[in-house]
Amino acid sequence: MIEAIMANKYSVVLKEDKEDGGYVAIVPELPGCISDGDTKEEALKNIRDAIRLYLESIANETRKFHALAKKGRGIDIASVSA
């Protein structure tokens, strides 16, 4: 499942860190998904790893959430339309 989600393209904002040197990489679509590197290439490699870890974490938390809901632990799941 993670492989399918990882196949999606994510926008990455690269920002030069003028104070400390290097580059900061941010994924606006994934709040808190940030990495850095000494070069643009390193920052992009590191953000790929950060994206994978971020998505794996969300997948794990979602599985835990659904497991608790199935056990009737005070969690209800509902579908709503916007």
Protein backbone atom coordinates (compact mmCIF):
# COMPACT_ATOMS: atom_id res chain seq x y z
CA MET A 1 0.00 0.00 0.00
CA ILE A 2 2.80 2.43 0.86
CA GLU A 3 4.37 1.79 -2.54
CA ALA A 4 1.17 2.97 -4.25
CA ILE A 5 1.06 6.12 -2.15
CA MET A 6 4.79 6.72 -2.67
CA ALA A 7 4.19 6.55 -6.43
CA ASN A 8 2.31 9.85 -6.10
CA LYS A 9 4.24 12.99 -6.90
CA TYR A 10 4.70 15.49 -4.09
CA SER A 11 5.73 19.11 -4.49
CA VAL A 12 8.96 19.96 -2.70
CA VAL A 13 9.99 23.49 -1.82
CA LEU A 14 13.78 23.88 -1.66
CA LYS A 15 15.06 26.84 0.29
CA GLU A 16 18.67 27.86 0.67
CA ASP A 17 19.67 28.15 4.33
CA LYS A 18 21.78 31.31 4.24
CA GLU A 19 22.52 31.23 7.98
CA ASP A 20 23.75 27.65 8.36
CA GLY A 21 24.45 26.78 4.73
CA GLY A 22 22.88 23.97 2.75
CA TYR A 23 19.26 23.58 1.77
CA VAL A 24 15.96 22.91 3.51
CA ALA A 25 13.33 20.78 1.74
CA ILE A 26 9.65 21.09 2.69
CA VAL A 27 6.63 19.12 1.41
CA PRO A 28 3.65 21.51 1.75
CA GLU A 29 1.12 18.68 1.23
CA LEU A 30 2.52 16.77 4.23
CA PRO A 31 2.53 19.10 7.26
CA GLY A 32 5.73 18.74 9.24
CA CYS A 33 7.54 16.79 6.52
CA ILE A 34 10.86 18.65 6.39
CA SER A 35 14.46 17.65 5.74
CA ASP A 36 17.73 19.26 4.75
CA GLY A 37 21.07 18.64 3.11
CA ASP A 38 24.38 20.27 2.30
CA THR A 39 23.47 20.36 -1.41
CA LYS A 40 20.20 20.47 -3.35
CA GLU A 41 20.73 16.86 -4.39
CA GLU A 42 21.30 15.71 -0.81
CA ALA A 43 18.26 17.66 0.42
CA LEU A 44 16.11 15.98 -2.28
CA LYS A 45 17.45 12.52 -1.38
CA ASN A 46 16.76 13.18 2.30
CA ILE A 47 13.23 14.47 1.66
CA ARG A 48 12.42 11.28 -0.26
CA ASP A 49 13.35 9.32 2.87
CA ALA A 50 11.34 11.74 5.03
CA ILE A 51 8.27 11.34 2.79
CA ARG A 52 8.47 7.54 3.06
CA LEU A 53 8.78 7.70 6.86
CA TYR A 54 5.95 10.22 7.09
CA LEU A 55 3.60 8.06 5.00
CA GLU A 56 4.58 4.87 6.84
CA SER A 57 3.81 6.60 10.15
CA ILE A 58 0.38 7.71 8.93
CA ALA A 59 -0.37 4.21 7.63
CA ASN A 60 0.58 2.68 10.99
CA GLU A 61 -1.53 5.16 12.94
CA THR A 62 -4.49 4.56 10.60
CA ARG A 63 -4.23 0.79 11.17
CA LYS A 64 -4.12 1.34 14.95
CA PHE A 65 -7.12 3.68 14.76
CA HIS A 66 -9.19 1.15 12.80
CA ALA A 67 -8.19 -1.66 15.15
CA LEU A 68 -9.38 0.37 18.15
CA ALA A 69 -12.62 1.25 16.37
CA LYS A 70 -13.31 -2.43 15.66
CA LYS A 71 -12.80 -3.22 19.35
CA GLY A 72 -15.37 -0.56 20.32
CA ARG A 73 -12.90 1.59 22.20
CA GLY A 74 -15.00 4.75 22.00
CA ILE A 75 -14.07 5.48 18.40
CA ASP A 76 -16.64 5.66 15.64
CA ILE A 77 -15.87 5.89 11.94
CA ALA A 78 -18.33 7.69 9.69
CA SER A 79 -18.38 8.86 6.08
CA VAL A 80 -19.47 12.42 5.37
CA SER A 81 -19.79 14.56 2.27
CA ALA A 82 -18.41 18.07 2.07
